[in-house]
Amino acid sequence: MGHRGHPRQLPDKIGLIAGNGSFPFLVLDAARQRGIAVVTLAIKEEAEPTIEEVADKVHWVALGELRRAVKILKEAGIDHALMAGQVKHKRVFKILRPDTLLLKVLSRLRSRNTDAILKAVADVLSGEGVELMDSTLLLTSVLSTKGPMGKRRPSAEEKDNVAFGFRMAKAVAGLDIGQTVVVKAKSVVAVEAMEGTDEAVRRAGRIVSESPGGLAVVKVARPSQDMRFDVPVVGPRTIEVMSESGVSILALEPGKCLLLEKEALLKRADDLKIAVYGVTEREVGEA
């Protein structure tokens, strides 16, 4: 095994623990292009039903069925797996029937936030001989990059807002509250919590509705982000929400955010005159 989440070489068969959204579909497509067989564990009430149309083998598992998930992976001869797609934070509080293995995991936790639970699940899987890989391992081409990712470059004022927002977002992410802030004129307008990025952006738009526009959205990784799960993600829908809410720039931490449908996202951002920009800690320190 290499670094945590990075096997020395890609296995020829992996397990995919699939949550909601299009992230699992990107993984399935990337695995198929590399000739990697995939056994998919689709989380009930989270994964898209259409995953059955593109995955070779799908097992539907409830959120509380950890022991069954381990059994399926082991019986399939899987020793490497990855998680892709979100599980809604609010659902983590309502695991209706946790099995004995999950109850054992939960009883050890001092904090029951999503990250803590997923880390504990990863440890259990490792103890059972299934290592969780970095969830973006097959998707490095659609990760955020440094500097302008679209056609429009940020203005000096936007860069100032981004530098301020980056520092605020890092502080908030360090407290495990959220990973996105919306700022205007070097003031925090909205902070993302469990509602997700789109709702935080909409709220910011409502707050400044009497003086619309000039909003910057800054999305970062946690200081100790575990790229095996809960990777920051943006998609084309978020760009639409930003346009409706008066956002002029989306700033992301390079290499730490997954751009779903990257080409479509950047084209739409260009069409709507929204700058998409990869900002580094070093750049913020110089601002």
Protein backbone atom coordinates (compact mmCIF):
# COMPACT_ATOMS: atom_id res chain seq x y z
CA MET A 1 0.00 0.00 0.00
CA GLY A 2 1.24 3.54 -0.79
CA HIS A 3 -0.02 6.68 0.94
CA ARG A 4 -3.38 6.39 2.67
CA GLY A 5 -5.98 6.01 -0.03
CA HIS A 6 -3.38 5.41 -2.78
CA PRO A 7 -2.53 1.79 -3.66
CA ARG A 8 0.87 1.35 -5.34
CA GLN A 9 -0.97 0.28 -8.47
CA LEU A 10 -4.63 0.28 -9.40
CA PRO A 11 -6.35 -3.03 -8.60
CA ASP A 12 -8.16 -4.89 -11.40
CA LYS A 13 -11.34 -5.08 -9.30
CA ILE A 14 -12.78 -2.55 -6.84
CA GLY A 15 -15.84 -1.96 -4.73
CA LEU A 16 -17.85 1.25 -5.18
CA ILE A 17 -19.96 2.53 -2.28
CA ALA A 18 -22.36 4.83 -4.12
CA GLY A 19 -24.25 7.79 -2.63
CA ASN A 20 -26.31 10.40 -4.44
CA GLY A 21 -25.50 12.57 -7.45
CA SER A 22 -23.40 11.95 -10.55
CA PHE A 23 -20.06 11.27 -8.81
CA PRO A 24 -20.59 7.44 -8.78
CA PHE A 25 -21.36 7.49 -12.50
CA LEU A 26 -18.07 9.29 -13.22
CA VAL A 27 -16.22 6.62 -11.23
CA LEU A 28 -17.95 3.80 -13.10
CA ASP A 29 -17.09 5.39 -16.45
CA ALA A 30 -13.44 5.98 -15.46
CA ALA A 31 -13.12 2.41 -14.17
CA ARG A 32 -14.59 1.02 -17.40
CA GLN A 33 -12.09 3.03 -19.46
CA ARG A 34 -9.25 1.48 -17.45
CA GLY A 35 -10.64 -2.07 -17.61
CA ILE A 36 -11.32 -2.18 -13.87
CA ALA A 37 -14.22 -4.40 -12.77
CA VAL A 38 -16.57 -2.79 -10.23
CA VAL A 39 -18.91 -4.28 -7.64
CA THR A 40 -21.31 -1.50 -6.63
CA LEU A 41 -22.92 -1.11 -3.22
CA ALA A 42 -25.69 1.43 -3.80
CA ILE A 43 -27.01 3.15 -0.67
CA LYS A 44 -30.80 2.93 -0.50
CA GLU A 45 -32.65 6.27 -0.74
CA GLU A 46 -29.39 7.96 -1.81
CA ALA A 47 -27.97 6.39 -4.98
CA GLU A 48 -29.76 7.06 -8.27
CA PRO A 49 -31.92 4.10 -9.44
CA THR A 50 -30.39 4.51 -12.92
CA ILE A 51 -27.07 3.24 -11.55
CA GLU A 52 -28.38 -0.24 -12.33
CA GLU A 53 -28.34 0.68 -16.03
CA VAL A 54 -24.61 1.43 -16.10
CA ALA A 55 -23.08 -0.73 -13.34
CA ASP A 56 -22.26 -4.39 -13.97
CA LYS A 57 -23.32 -5.59 -10.53
CA VAL A 58 -25.36 -3.60 -7.98
CA HIS A 59 -26.21 -4.54 -4.40
CA TRP A 60 -28.64 -2.17 -2.65
CA VAL A 61 -27.74 -1.68 1.02
CA ALA A 62 -29.39 0.39 3.71
CA LEU A 63 -27.37 3.04 5.51
CA GLY A 64 -27.22 0.94 8.68
CA GLU A 65 -26.15 -2.35 7.05
CA LEU A 66 -22.39 -2.20 7.59
CA ARG A 67 -21.92 -5.91 8.28
CA ARG A 68 -23.81 -6.84 5.10
CA ALA A 69 -21.71 -4.37 3.08
CA VAL A 70 -18.50 -5.95 4.41
CA LYS A 71 -19.83 -9.45 3.63
CA ILE A 72 -20.71 -8.51 0.02
CA LEU A 73 -17.27 -7.01 -0.61
CA LYS A 74 -15.40 -9.93 0.93
CA GLU A 75 -17.45 -12.56 -0.93
CA ALA A 76 -16.69 -10.71 -4.18
CA GLY A 77 -12.96 -10.85 -3.43
CA ILE A 78 -12.70 -7.07 -3.09
CA ASP A 79 -9.78 -5.67 -1.10
CA HIS A 80 -9.96 -2.07 -2.34
CA ALA A 81 -13.05 0.14 -2.44
CA LEU A 82 -13.96 3.78 -2.74
CA MET A 83 -16.86 5.97 -1.73
CA ALA A 84 -18.43 8.32 -4.26
CA GLY A 85 -21.47 10.54 -3.93
CA GLN A 86 -22.89 12.22 -0.89
CA VAL A 87 -25.03 10.88 1.90
CA LYS A 88 -27.25 13.70 3.13
CA HIS A 89 -25.96 14.90 6.49
CA LYS A 90 -29.42 14.90 8.03
CA ARG A 91 -29.86 11.21 7.18
CA VAL A 92 -26.81 10.32 9.26
CA PHE A 93 -28.85 11.37 12.32
CA LYS A 94 -31.69 9.07 11.30
CA ILE A 95 -30.07 5.68 10.71
CA LEU A 96 -33.19 3.72 11.58
CA ARG A 97 -31.79 0.22 12.02
CA PRO A 98 -28.03 0.19 12.58
CA ASP A 99 -26.73 -3.38 12.63
CA THR A 100 -24.51 -4.69 15.42
CA LEU A 101 -21.29 -3.80 13.60
CA LEU A 102 -22.40 -0.19 12.99
CA LEU A 103 -23.63 0.09 16.58
CA LYS A 104 -20.16 -0.96 17.70
CA VAL A 105 -18.67 1.80 15.52
CA LEU A 106 -21.08 4.45 16.80
CA SER A 107 -20.52 3.54 20.44
CA ARG A 108 -16.81 4.41 20.11
CA LEU A 109 -17.36 7.91 18.72
CA ARG A 110 -17.09 11.08 20.76
CA SER A 111 -18.58 13.06 17.87
CA ARG A 112 -21.22 11.75 15.49
CA ASN A 113 -20.70 14.14 12.61
CA THR A 114 -20.60 12.61 9.14
CA ASP A 115 -16.81 12.79 8.85
CA ALA A 116 -16.24 11.00 12.17
CA ILE A 117 -18.66 8.22 11.23
CA LEU A 118 -17.08 7.73 7.80
CA LYS A 119 -13.57 7.63 9.27
CA ALA A 120 -14.73 4.97 11.74
CA VAL A 121 -16.38 2.97 8.92
CA ALA A 122 -13.12 3.20 6.92
CA ASP A 123 -11.24 1.79 9.92
CA VAL A 124 -13.71 -1.09 10.21
CA LEU A 125 -13.38 -1.88 6.50
CA SER A 126 -9.59 -1.83 6.81
CA GLY A 127 -9.81 -4.22 9.76
CA GLU A 128 -11.85 -6.54 7.54
CA GLY A 129 -9.22 -6.37 4.78
CA VAL A 130 -10.91 -3.77 2.53
CA GLU A 131 -8.87 -0.58 2.11
CA LEU A 132 -10.71 2.60 1.15
CA MET A 133 -9.00 4.47 -1.69
CA ASP A 134 -8.95 8.21 -2.39
CA SER A 135 -12.36 8.74 -4.00
CA THR A 136 -10.86 10.96 -6.73
CA LEU A 137 -8.11 8.50 -7.65
CA LEU A 138 -9.68 7.74 -11.05
CA LEU A 139 -10.82 11.34 -11.63
CA THR A 140 -7.73 13.55 -11.34
CA SER A 141 -8.55 15.18 -14.71
CA VAL A 142 -11.70 16.79 -13.28
CA LEU A 143 -10.17 18.18 -10.09
CA SER A 144 -9.84 21.94 -9.60
CA THR A 145 -6.61 23.53 -10.81
CA LYS A 146 -4.65 26.69 -9.94
CA GLY A 147 -5.60 30.05 -11.46
CA PRO A 148 -8.39 30.78 -13.98
CA MET A 149 -10.20 27.60 -15.07
CA GLY A 150 -12.57 29.39 -17.43
CA LYS A 151 -12.17 32.34 -19.80
CA ARG A 152 -12.81 35.17 -17.36
CA ARG A 153 -10.05 36.31 -15.02
CA PRO A 154 -11.03 37.78 -11.64
CA SER A 155 -10.84 41.52 -11.04
CA ALA A 156 -8.67 43.00 -8.27
CA GLU A 157 -11.79 43.50 -6.13
CA GLU A 158 -12.87 39.90 -6.65
CA LYS A 159 -9.39 38.68 -5.70
CA ASP A 160 -9.56 40.69 -2.47
CA ASN A 161 -12.94 39.14 -1.67
CA VAL A 162 -11.60 35.68 -2.45
CA ALA A 163 -8.53 36.14 -0.23
CA PHE A 164 -10.76 37.23 2.64
CA GLY A 165 -13.26 34.44 1.95
CA PHE A 166 -10.52 31.80 1.76
CA ARG A 167 -9.31 32.65 5.27
CA MET A 168 -12.88 32.59 6.60
CA ALA A 169 -13.72 29.32 4.81
CA LYS A 170 -10.58 27.63 6.18
CA ALA A 171 -11.51 28.69 9.71
CA VAL A 172 -15.09 27.43 9.33
CA ALA A 173 -13.94 24.17 7.71
CA GLY A 174 -11.47 23.68 10.57
CA LEU A 175 -14.42 23.76 12.97
CA ASP A 176 -16.19 21.10 10.83
CA ILE A 177 -19.16 23.41 10.17
CA GLY A 178 -18.99 23.57 6.36
CA GLN A 179 -16.55 24.17 3.52
CA THR A 180 -18.11 27.13 1.70
CA VAL A 181 -18.58 30.79 2.52
CA VAL A 182 -20.25 33.52 0.49
CA VAL A 183 -18.74 36.98 0.87
CA LYS A 184 -19.32 40.52 -0.36
CA ALA A 185 -17.14 43.58 0.22
CA LYS A 186 -14.94 41.54 2.59
CA SER A 187 -17.92 40.59 4.77
CA VAL A 188 -19.27 37.09 5.28
CA VAL A 189 -22.84 36.97 3.99
CA ALA A 190 -23.52 33.24 4.40
CA VAL A 191 -21.77 30.14 5.73
CA GLU A 192 -22.58 26.67 4.49
CA ALA A 193 -23.64 24.15 7.10
CA MET A 194 -25.75 21.01 6.60
CA GLU A 195 -28.00 22.58 3.95
CA GLY A 196 -25.28 22.37 1.27
CA THR A 197 -23.65 24.85 -1.10
CA ASP A 198 -26.66 25.70 -3.28
CA GLU A 199 -28.88 26.63 -0.34
CA ALA A 200 -26.12 28.72 1.26
CA VAL A 201 -25.71 30.61 -2.03
CA ARG A 202 -29.47 31.16 -2.35
CA ARG A 203 -29.59 32.48 1.20
CA ALA A 204 -26.76 34.92 0.46
CA GLY A 205 -28.62 36.15 -2.62
CA ARG A 206 -31.73 36.82 -0.53
CA ILE A 207 -29.73 38.64 2.14
CA VAL A 208 -28.20 41.11 -0.35
CA SER A 209 -31.30 41.36 -2.55
CA GLU A 210 -31.66 45.09 -1.90
CA SER A 211 -28.12 45.60 -3.21
CA PRO A 212 -27.67 42.58 -5.51
CA GLY A 213 -24.48 41.27 -7.11
CA GLY A 214 -20.84 41.34 -6.12
CA LEU A 215 -20.92 38.00 -4.30
CA ALA A 216 -17.96 35.63 -4.19
CA VAL A 217 -18.29 31.94 -3.32
CA VAL A 218 -15.21 30.32 -1.81
CA LYS A 219 -15.06 26.55 -1.35
CA VAL A 220 -12.12 24.85 0.38
CA ALA A 221 -11.08 21.51 1.85
CA ARG A 222 -10.88 20.97 5.56
CA PRO A 223 -7.38 21.46 7.02
CA SER A 224 -7.18 17.67 7.45
CA GLN A 225 -9.42 16.70 4.51
CA ASP A 226 -9.63 12.95 4.04
CA MET A 227 -9.90 12.52 0.28
CA ARG A 228 -11.30 9.02 0.73
CA PHE A 229 -14.73 10.53 1.33
CA ASP A 230 -16.71 13.76 1.51
CA VAL A 231 -14.66 15.49 -1.19
CA PRO A 232 -15.84 19.04 -2.00
CA VAL A 233 -17.91 18.94 -5.20
CA VAL A 234 -19.46 21.50 -7.55
CA GLY A 235 -21.54 20.92 -10.66
CA PRO A 236 -23.33 22.87 -13.40
CA ARG A 237 -26.47 23.29 -11.27
CA THR A 238 -24.47 25.26 -8.70
CA ILE A 239 -23.33 27.65 -11.45
CA GLU A 240 -26.99 28.33 -12.32
CA VAL A 241 -27.80 29.00 -8.66
CA MET A 242 -24.82 31.39 -8.44
CA SER A 243 -25.98 33.32 -11.49
CA GLU A 244 -29.51 33.67 -10.07
CA SER A 245 -28.07 34.85 -6.73
CA GLY A 246 -25.66 37.51 -8.05
CA VAL A 247 -22.37 35.62 -7.70
CA SER A 248 -19.55 36.80 -9.99
CA ILE A 249 -16.76 34.42 -8.92
CA LEU A 250 -16.39 30.86 -7.67
CA ALA A 251 -13.03 30.24 -5.97
CA LEU A 252 -11.83 26.69 -5.27
CA GLU A 253 -8.81 25.16 -3.61
CA PRO A 254 -6.64 23.55 -6.34
CA GLY A 255 -6.61 19.75 -6.38
CA LYS A 256 -9.19 19.56 -3.59
CA CYS A 257 -12.53 19.98 -5.35
CA LEU A 258 -14.23 17.77 -7.91
CA LEU A 259 -15.85 19.54 -10.86
CA LEU A 260 -18.77 17.39 -12.03
CA GLU A 261 -19.31 17.62 -15.78
CA LYS A 262 -16.27 19.88 -15.84
CA GLU A 263 -16.45 21.00 -19.48
CA ALA A 264 -20.17 21.82 -19.24
CA LEU A 265 -19.64 23.60 -15.92
CA LEU A 266 -16.86 25.84 -17.23
CA LYS A 267 -18.72 26.60 -20.47
CA ARG A 268 -21.82 27.61 -18.53
CA ALA A 269 -19.72 29.76 -16.19
CA ASP A 270 -18.17 31.46 -19.23
CA ASP A 271 -21.62 32.07 -20.74
CA LEU A 272 -22.83 33.62 -17.48
CA LYS A 273 -19.62 35.67 -16.99
CA ILE A 274 -18.77 33.88 -13.74
CA ALA A 275 -15.05 33.49 -13.05
CA VAL A 276 -13.95 30.04 -11.81
CA TYR A 277 -10.62 30.40 -10.07
CA GLY A 278 -8.20 28.13 -8.18
CA VAL A 279 -6.73 30.02 -5.23
CA THR A 280 -3.79 28.85 -3.12
CA GLU A 281 -2.93 29.53 0.52
CA ARG A 282 0.30 31.16 -0.62
CA GLU A 283 -1.63 33.57 -2.84
CA VAL A 284 -3.96 34.42 0.03
CA GLY A 285 -1.00 35.06 2.31
CA GLU A 286 0.37 37.56 -0.18
CA ALA A 287 -2.96 39.43 -0.48
